[in-house]
């Protein structure tokens, strides 16, 4: 899957780079399609990271409302590395 092992910022940077290439360069159809395919994969991966991050934030906010200490939360749950 595109974006595996990349940070969220890394994915955004690559998406920005792909956008610039597609806008400025005169590419063959196959090259353009390959870049577009990569971009779609990066968009899916970044959406997944955002969903994971949102879940973690909601869990933390819930712990504040319930009086649960942060230490009781599983620090590895939902983390896929550097977000």
PDB file of N, CA and C in Angstrom:
ATOM      1  N   UNK A   1       0.841  -1.186   0.000  1.00  0.00           N
ATOM      2  CA  UNK A   1       0.000   0.000   0.000  1.00  0.00           C
ATOM      3  C   UNK A   1       0.881   1.242   0.000  1.00  0.00           C
ATOM      4  N   UNK A   2       0.491   2.219  -0.785  1.00  0.00           N
ATOM      5  CA  UNK A   2       1.244   3.478  -0.833  1.00  0.00           C
ATOM      6  C   UNK A   2       1.247   4.128   0.546  1.00  0.00           C
ATOM      7  N   UNK A   3       2.346   4.772   0.884  1.00  0.00           N
ATOM      8  CA  UNK A   3       2.433   5.511   2.133  1.00  0.00           C
ATOM      9  C   UNK A   3       2.827   4.676   3.330  1.00  0.00           C
ATOM     10  N   UNK A   4       2.920   3.353   3.172  1.00  0.00           N
ATOM     11  CA  UNK A   4       3.298   2.511   4.297  1.00  0.00           C
ATOM     12  C   UNK A   4       4.678   2.919   4.790  1.00  0.00           C
ATOM     13  N   UNK A   5       4.772   3.161   6.069  1.00  0.00           N
ATOM     14  CA  UNK A   5       6.044   3.545   6.651  1.00  0.00           C
ATOM     15  C   UNK A   5       6.358   5.033   6.528  1.00  0.00           C
ATOM     16  N   UNK A   6       5.494   5.765   5.836  1.00  0.00           N
ATOM     17  CA  UNK A   6       5.715   7.207   5.692  1.00  0.00           C
ATOM     18  C   UNK A   6       4.976   7.951   6.798  1.00  0.00           C
ATOM     19  N   UNK A   7       5.534   9.070   7.183  1.00  0.00           N
ATOM     20  CA  UNK A   7       4.832   9.922   8.134  1.00  0.00           C
ATOM     21  C   UNK A   7       3.702  10.643   7.390  1.00  0.00           C
ATOM     22  N   UNK A   8       2.768  11.183   8.143  1.00  0.00           N
ATOM     23  CA  UNK A   8       1.670  11.939   7.531  1.00  0.00           C
ATOM     24  C   UNK A   8       2.228  13.111   6.731  1.00  0.00           C
ATOM     25  N   UNK A   9       3.192  13.806   7.315  1.00  0.00           N
ATOM     26  CA  UNK A   9       3.807  14.941   6.619  1.00  0.00           C
ATOM     27  C   UNK A   9       4.515  14.470   5.353  1.00  0.00           C
ATOM     28  N   UNK A  10       5.171  13.338   5.423  1.00  0.00           N
ATOM     29  CA  UNK A  10       5.831  12.785   4.246  1.00  0.00           C
ATOM     30  C   UNK A  10       4.851  12.506   3.122  1.00  0.00           C
ATOM     31  N   UNK A  11       3.684  11.971   3.495  1.00  0.00           N
ATOM     32  CA  UNK A  11       2.659  11.707   2.485  1.00  0.00           C
ATOM     33  C   UNK A  11       2.154  12.998   1.859  1.00  0.00           C
ATOM     34  N   UNK A  12       1.928  14.014   2.697  1.00  0.00           N
ATOM     35  CA  UNK A  12       1.469  15.299   2.160  1.00  0.00           C
ATOM     36  C   UNK A  12       2.517  15.930   1.249  1.00  0.00           C
ATOM     37  N   UNK A  13       3.774  15.822   1.649  1.00  0.00           N
ATOM     38  CA  UNK A  13       4.850  16.367   0.821  1.00  0.00           C
ATOM     39  C   UNK A  13       4.903  15.670  -0.539  1.00  0.00           C
ATOM     40  N   UNK A  14       4.775  14.350  -0.528  1.00  0.00           N
ATOM     41  CA  UNK A  14       4.802  13.600  -1.790  1.00  0.00           C
ATOM     42  C   UNK A  14       3.585  13.936  -2.645  1.00  0.00           C
ATOM     43  N   UNK A  15       2.418  14.088  -2.033  1.00  0.00           N
ATOM     44  CA  UNK A  15       1.226  14.481  -2.786  1.00  0.00           C
ATOM     45  C   UNK A  15       1.422  15.847  -3.435  1.00  0.00           C
ATOM     46  N   UNK A  16       2.040  16.755  -2.703  1.00  0.00           N
ATOM     47  CA  UNK A  16       2.325  18.086  -3.244  1.00  0.00           C
ATOM     48  C   UNK A  16       3.290  17.983  -4.426  1.00  0.00           C
ATOM     49  N   UNK A  17       4.284  17.140  -4.280  1.00  0.00           N
ATOM     50  CA  UNK A  17       5.257  16.929  -5.357  1.00  0.00           C
ATOM     51  C   UNK A  17       4.575  16.346  -6.603  1.00  0.00           C
ATOM     52  N   UNK A  18       3.730  15.350  -6.406  1.00  0.00           N
ATOM     53  CA  UNK A  18       3.017  14.732  -7.532  1.00  0.00           C
ATOM     54  C   UNK A  18       2.129  15.756  -8.225  1.00  0.00           C
ATOM     55  N   UNK A  19       1.436  16.572  -7.447  1.00  0.00           N
ATOM     56  CA  UNK A  19       0.575  17.612  -8.021  1.00  0.00           C
ATOM     57  C   UNK A  19       1.385  18.548  -8.904  1.00  0.00           C
ATOM     58  N   UNK A  20       2.536  18.972  -8.408  1.00  0.00           N
ATOM     59  CA  UNK A  20       3.400  19.864  -9.184  1.00  0.00           C
ATOM     60  C   UNK A  20       3.861  19.229 -10.485  1.00  0.00           C
ATOM     61  N   UNK A  21       4.231  17.959 -10.428  1.00  0.00           N
ATOM     62  CA  UNK A  21       4.688  17.258 -11.627  1.00  0.00           C
ATOM     63  C   UNK A  21       3.559  17.163 -12.642  1.00  0.00           C
ATOM     64  N   UNK A  22       2.380  16.768 -12.173  1.00  0.00           N
ATOM     65  CA  UNK A  22       1.250  16.614 -13.095  1.00  0.00           C
ATOM     66  C   UNK A  22       0.818  17.945 -13.702  1.00  0.00           C
ATOM     67  N   UNK A  23       0.954  19.027 -12.958  1.00  0.00           N
ATOM     68  CA  UNK A  23       0.554  20.341 -13.459  1.00  0.00           C
ATOM     69  C   UNK A  23       1.563  20.927 -14.444  1.00  0.00           C
ATOM     70  N   UNK A  24       2.846  20.666 -14.235  1.00  0.00           N
ATOM     71  CA  UNK A  24       3.881  21.364 -14.999  1.00  0.00           C
ATOM     72  C   UNK A  24       4.513  20.545 -16.113  1.00  0.00           C
ATOM     73  N   UNK A  25       4.530  19.254 -15.979  1.00  0.00           N
ATOM     74  CA  UNK A  25       5.280  18.452 -16.936  1.00  0.00           C
ATOM     75  C   UNK A  25       4.391  17.858 -18.007  1.00  0.00           C
ATOM     76  N   UNK A  26       4.973  17.714 -19.175  1.00  0.00           N
ATOM     77  CA  UNK A  26       4.299  17.092 -20.300  1.00  0.00           C
ATOM     78  C   UNK A  26       4.647  15.609 -20.271  1.00  0.00           C
ATOM     79  N   UNK A  27       3.800  14.833 -19.613  1.00  0.00           N
ATOM     80  CA  UNK A  27       4.075  13.417 -19.406  1.00  0.00           C
ATOM     81  C   UNK A  27       3.278  12.553 -20.372  1.00  0.00           C
ATOM     82  N   UNK A  28       3.802  11.371 -20.591  1.00  0.00           N
ATOM     83  CA  UNK A  28       3.054  10.370 -21.339  1.00  0.00           C
ATOM     84  C   UNK A  28       1.868   9.942 -20.475  1.00  0.00           C
ATOM     85  N   UNK A  29       0.849   9.427 -21.130  1.00  0.00           N
ATOM     86  CA  UNK A  29      -0.355   9.012 -20.424  1.00  0.00           C
ATOM     87  C   UNK A  29      -0.036   8.000 -19.329  1.00  0.00           C
ATOM     88  N   UNK A  30       0.783   7.012 -19.620  1.00  0.00           N
ATOM     89  CA  UNK A  30       1.106   5.984 -18.630  1.00  0.00           C
ATOM     90  C   UNK A  30       1.832   6.568 -17.416  1.00  0.00           C
ATOM     91  N   UNK A  31       2.717   7.538 -17.642  1.00  0.00           N
ATOM     92  CA  UNK A  31       3.410   8.182 -16.525  1.00  0.00           C
ATOM     93  C   UNK A  31       2.429   8.953 -15.653  1.00  0.00           C
ATOM     94  N   UNK A  32       1.528   9.665 -16.305  1.00  0.00           N
ATOM     95  CA  UNK A  32       0.512  10.426 -15.568  1.00  0.00           C
ATOM     96  C   UNK A  32      -0.380   9.501 -14.758  1.00  0.00           C
ATOM     97  N   UNK A  33      -0.795   8.397 -15.360  1.00  0.00           N
ATOM     98  CA  UNK A  33      -1.644   7.441 -14.655  1.00  0.00           C
ATOM     99  C   UNK A  33      -0.920   6.813 -13.468  1.00  0.00           C
ATOM    100  N   UNK A  34       0.358   6.515 -13.636  1.00  0.00           N
ATOM    101  CA  UNK A  34       1.132   5.938 -12.537  1.00  0.00           C
ATOM    102  C   UNK A  34       1.230   6.916 -11.368  1.00  0.00           C
ATOM    103  N   UNK A  35       1.459   8.189 -11.661  1.00  0.00           N
ATOM    104  CA  UNK A  35       1.524   9.201 -10.606  1.00  0.00           C
ATOM    105  C   UNK A  35       0.162   9.386  -9.941  1.00  0.00           C
ATOM    106  N   UNK A  36      -0.889   9.377 -10.763  1.00  0.00           N
ATOM    107  CA  UNK A  36      -2.229   9.518 -10.216  1.00  0.00           C
ATOM    108  C   UNK A  36      -2.558   8.334  -9.306  1.00  0.00           C
ATOM    109  N   UNK A  37      -2.186   7.146  -9.729  1.00  0.00           N
ATOM    110  CA  UNK A  37      -2.410   5.949  -8.925  1.00  0.00           C
ATOM    111  C   UNK A  37      -1.660   6.038  -7.590  1.00  0.00           C
ATOM    112  N   UNK A  38      -0.429   6.520  -7.637  1.00  0.00           N
ATOM    113  CA  UNK A  38       0.338   6.706  -6.406  1.00  0.00           C
ATOM    114  C   UNK A  38      -0.358   7.708  -5.496  1.00  0.00           C
ATOM    115  N   UNK A  39      -0.846   8.797  -6.080  1.00  0.00           N
ATOM    116  CA  UNK A  39      -1.523   9.831  -5.298  1.00  0.00           C
ATOM    117  C   UNK A  39      -2.781   9.280  -4.624  1.00  0.00           C
ATOM    118  N   UNK A  40      -3.546   8.469  -5.341  1.00  0.00           N
ATOM    119  CA  UNK A  40      -4.751   7.880  -4.750  1.00  0.00           C
ATOM    120  C   UNK A  40      -4.372   6.986  -3.567  1.00  0.00           C
ATOM    121  N   UNK A  41      -3.314   6.206  -3.715  1.00  0.00           N
ATOM    122  CA  UNK A  41      -2.849   5.370  -2.611  1.00  0.00           C
ATOM    123  C   UNK A  41      -2.425   6.191  -1.420  1.00  0.00           C
ATOM    124  N   UNK A  42      -1.738   7.294  -1.670  1.00  0.00           N
ATOM    125  CA  UNK A  42      -1.308   8.180  -0.584  1.00  0.00           C
ATOM    126  C   UNK A  42      -2.504   8.835   0.097  1.00  0.00           C
ATOM    127  N   UNK A  43      -3.508   9.201  -0.678  1.00  0.00           N
ATOM    128  CA  UNK A  43      -4.718   9.793  -0.095  1.00  0.00           C
ATOM    129  C   UNK A  43      -5.418   8.792   0.816  1.00  0.00           C
ATOM    130  N   UNK A  44      -5.510   7.544   0.382  1.00  0.00           N
ATOM    131  CA  UNK A  44      -6.132   6.506   1.214  1.00  0.00           C
ATOM    132  C   UNK A  44      -5.342   6.300   2.498  1.00  0.00           C
ATOM    133  N   UNK A  45      -4.024   6.242   2.379  1.00  0.00           N
ATOM    134  CA  UNK A  45      -3.178   6.032   3.555  1.00  0.00           C
ATOM    135  C   UNK A  45      -3.263   7.214   4.519  1.00  0.00           C
ATOM    136  N   UNK A  46      -3.292   8.438   3.982  1.00  0.00           N
ATOM    137  CA  UNK A  46      -3.375   9.603   4.863  1.00  0.00           C
ATOM    138  C   UNK A  46      -4.736   9.676   5.537  1.00  0.00           C
ATOM    139  N   UNK A  47      -5.788   9.280   4.823  1.00  0.00           N
ATOM    140  CA  UNK A  47      -7.115   9.249   5.447  1.00  0.00           C
ATOM    141  C   UNK A  47      -7.137   8.246   6.588  1.00  0.00           C
ATOM    142  N   UNK A  48      -6.489   7.114   6.392  1.00  0.00           N
ATOM    143  CA  UNK A  48      -6.413   6.095   7.438  1.00  0.00           C
ATOM    144  C   UNK A  48      -5.674   6.632   8.668  1.00  0.00           C
ATOM    145  N   UNK A  49      -4.569   7.334   8.441  1.00  0.00           N
ATOM    146  CA  UNK A  49      -3.816   7.921   9.569  1.00  0.00           C
ATOM    147  C   UNK A  49      -4.662   8.952  10.304  1.00  0.00           C
ATOM    148  N   UNK A  50      -5.419   9.751   9.556  1.00  0.00           N
ATOM    149  CA  UNK A  50      -6.286  10.751  10.192  1.00  0.00           C
ATOM    150  C   UNK A  50      -7.364  10.070  11.034  1.00  0.00           C
ATOM    151  N   UNK A  51      -7.926   8.990  10.513  1.00  0.00           N
ATOM    152  CA  UNK A  51      -8.949   8.249  11.252  1.00  0.00           C
ATOM    153  C   UNK A  51      -8.371   7.681  12.540  1.00  0.00           C
ATOM    154  N   UNK A  52      -7.169   7.099  12.454  1.00  0.00           N
ATOM    155  CA  UNK A  52      -6.503   6.575  13.656  1.00  0.00           C
ATOM    156  C   UNK A  52      -6.248   7.687  14.664  1.00  0.00           C
ATOM    157  N   UNK A  53      -5.768   8.820  14.189  1.00  0.00           N
ATOM    158  CA  UNK A  53      -5.459   9.940  15.082  1.00  0.00           C
ATOM    159  C   UNK A  53      -6.719  10.465  15.747  1.00  0.00           C
ATOM    160  N   UNK A  54      -7.796  10.559  14.975  1.00  0.00           N
ATOM    161  CA  UNK A  54      -9.058  11.034  15.537  1.00  0.00           C
ATOM    162  C   UNK A  54      -9.533  10.094  16.644  1.00  0.00           C
ATOM    163  N   UNK A  55      -9.414   8.811  16.403  1.00  0.00           N
ATOM    164  CA  UNK A  55      -9.815   7.817  17.401  1.00  0.00           C
ATOM    165  C   UNK A  55      -9.010   7.979  18.684  1.00  0.00           C
ATOM    166  N   UNK A  56      -7.709   8.189  18.534  1.00  0.00           N
ATOM    167  CA  UNK A  56      -6.852   8.380  19.708  1.00  0.00           C
ATOM    168  C   UNK A  56      -7.231   9.637  20.475  1.00  0.00           C
ATOM    169  N   UNK A  57      -7.513  10.737  19.743  1.00  0.00           N
ATOM    170  CA  UNK A  57      -7.912  11.994  20.389  1.00  0.00           C
ATOM    171  C   UNK A  57      -9.234  11.806  21.129  1.00  0.00           C
ATOM    172  N   UNK A  58     -10.198  11.150  20.478  1.00  0.00           N
ATOM    173  CA  UNK A  58     -11.491  10.921  21.129  1.00  0.00           C
ATOM    174  C   UNK A  58     -11.331  10.073  22.383  1.00  0.00           C
ATOM    175  N   UNK A  59     -10.447   9.078  22.327  1.00  0.00           N
ATOM    176  CA  UNK A  59     -10.203   8.231  23.500  1.00  0.00           C
ATOM    177  C   UNK A  59      -9.585   9.054  24.631  1.00  0.00           C
ATOM    178  N   UNK A  60      -8.640   9.912  24.285  1.00  0.00           N
ATOM    179  CA  UNK A  60      -8.015  10.758  25.305  1.00  0.00           C
ATOM    180  C   UNK A  60      -9.017  11.742  25.907  1.00  0.00           C
ATOM    181  N   UNK A  61      -9.841  12.345  25.063  1.00  0.00           N
ATOM    182  CA  UNK A  61     -10.858  13.268  25.569  1.00  0.00           C
ATOM    183  C   UNK A  61     -11.860  12.530  26.452  1.00  0.00           C
ATOM    184  N   UNK A  62     -12.212  11.321  26.040  1.00  0.00           N
ATOM    185  CA  UNK A  62     -13.120  10.511  26.857  1.00  0.00           C
ATOM    186  C   UNK A  62     -12.522  10.194  28.206  1.00  0.00           C
ATOM    187  N   UNK A  63     -11.209   9.954  28.230  1.00  0.00           N
ATOM    188  CA  UNK A  63     -10.550   9.640  29.499  1.00  0.00           C
ATOM    189  C   UNK A  63     -10.569  10.850  30.430  1.00  0.00           C
ATOM    190  N   UNK A  64     -10.514  12.039  29.869  1.00  0.00           N
ATOM    191  CA  UNK A  64     -10.585  13.244  30.698  1.00  0.00           C
ATOM    192  C   UNK A  64     -11.966  13.370  31.327  1.00  0.00           C
ATOM    193  N   UNK A  65     -12.990  13.090  30.527  1.00  0.00           N
ATOM    194  CA  UNK A  65     -14.360  13.202  31.020  1.00  0.00           C
ATOM    195  C   UNK A  65     -14.670  12.140  32.062  1.00  0.00           C
ATOM    196  N   UNK A  66     -14.061  10.962  31.910  1.00  0.00           N
ATOM    197  CA  UNK A  66     -14.338   9.851  32.824  1.00  0.00           C
ATOM    198  C   UNK A  66     -13.377   9.826  34.007  1.00  0.00           C
ATOM    199  N   UNK A  67     -12.382  10.660  33.995  1.00  0.00           N
ATOM    200  CA  UNK A  67     -11.421  10.696  35.077  1.00  0.00           C
ATOM    201  C   UNK A  67     -10.401   9.570  35.015  1.00  0.00           C
ATOM    202  N   UNK A  68     -10.231   8.983  33.847  1.00  0.00           N
ATOM    203  CA  UNK A  68      -9.252   7.916  33.665  1.00  0.00           C
ATOM    204  C   UNK A  68      -7.894   8.575  33.441  1.00  0.00           C
ATOM    205  N   UNK A  69      -6.872   8.035  34.080  1.00  0.00           N
ATOM    206  CA  UNK A  69      -5.551   8.616  33.890  1.00  0.00           C
ATOM    207  C   UNK A  69      -4.981   8.195  32.541  1.00  0.00           C
ATOM    208  N   UNK A  70      -4.124   9.009  32.008  1.00  0.00           N
ATOM    209  CA  UNK A  70      -3.511   8.736  30.707  1.00  0.00           C
ATOM    210  C   UNK A  70      -2.680   7.462  30.754  1.00  0.00           C
ATOM    211  N   UNK A  71      -2.146   7.109  31.913  1.00  0.00           N
ATOM    212  CA  UNK A  71      -1.328   5.913  32.037  1.00  0.00           C
ATOM    213  C   UNK A  71      -2.147   4.646  31.796  1.00  0.00           C
ATOM    214  N   UNK A  72      -3.458   4.719  32.012  1.00  0.00           N
ATOM    215  CA  UNK A  72      -4.302   3.552  31.822  1.00  0.00           C
ATOM    216  C   UNK A  72      -4.585   3.268  30.358  1.00  0.00           C
ATOM    217  N   UNK A  73      -4.317   4.231  29.505  1.00  0.00           N
ATOM    218  CA  UNK A  73      -4.529   4.040  28.071  1.00  0.00           C
ATOM    219  C   UNK A  73      -3.407   3.224  27.501  1.00  0.00           C
ATOM    220  N   UNK A  74      -3.702   2.386  26.532  1.00  0.00           N
ATOM    221  CA  UNK A  74      -2.696   1.571  25.866  1.00  0.00           C
ATOM    222  C   UNK A  74      -1.948   2.457  24.885  1.00  0.00           C
ATOM    223  N   UNK A  75      -0.687   2.814  25.139  1.00  0.00           N
ATOM    224  CA  UNK A  75       0.027   3.733  24.262  1.00  0.00           C
ATOM    225  C   UNK A  75       0.252   3.164  22.863  1.00  0.00           C
ATOM    226  N   UNK A  76       0.232   1.865  22.676  1.00  0.00           N
ATOM    227  CA  UNK A  76       0.459   1.276  21.369  1.00  0.00           C
ATOM    228  C   UNK A  76      -0.816   1.119  20.569  1.00  0.00           C
ATOM    229  N   UNK A  77      -1.957   1.291  21.176  1.00  0.00           N
ATOM    230  CA  UNK A  77      -3.221   1.059  20.496  1.00  0.00           C
ATOM    231  C   UNK A  77      -3.441   2.097  19.407  1.00  0.00           C
ATOM    232  N   UNK A  78      -3.620   1.626  18.175  1.00  0.00           N
ATOM    233  CA  UNK A  78      -3.917   2.506  17.058  1.00  0.00           C
ATOM    234  C   UNK A  78      -2.731   3.271  16.527  1.00  0.00           C
ATOM    235  N   UNK A  79      -1.568   3.099  17.125  1.00  0.00           N
ATOM    236  CA  UNK A  79      -0.418   3.843  16.609  1.00  0.00           C
ATOM    237  C   UNK A  79       0.275   3.022  15.561  1.00  0.00           C
ATOM    238  N   UNK A  80       0.566   3.687  14.452  1.00  0.00           N
ATOM    239  CA  UNK A  80       1.248   3.006  13.374  1.00  0.00           C
ATOM    240  C   UNK A  80       2.623   3.562  13.177  1.00  0.00           C
ATOM    241  N   UNK A  81       3.200   4.108  14.212  1.00  0.00           N
ATOM    242  CA  UNK A  81       4.519   4.710  14.072  1.00  0.00           C
ATOM    243  C   UNK A  81       4.412   6.198  14.272  1.00  0.00           C
ATOM    244  N   UNK A  82       5.116   6.942  13.428  1.00  0.00           N
ATOM    245  CA  UNK A  82       5.109   8.399  13.587  1.00  0.00           C
ATOM    246  C   UNK A  82       3.936   8.967  12.811  1.00  0.00           C
ATOM    247  N   UNK A  83       3.078   9.652  13.519  1.00  0.00           N
ATOM    248  CA  UNK A  83       1.889  10.242  12.891  1.00  0.00           C
ATOM    249  C   UNK A  83       2.029  11.713  12.741  1.00  0.00           C
TER     250      UNK A  83
END
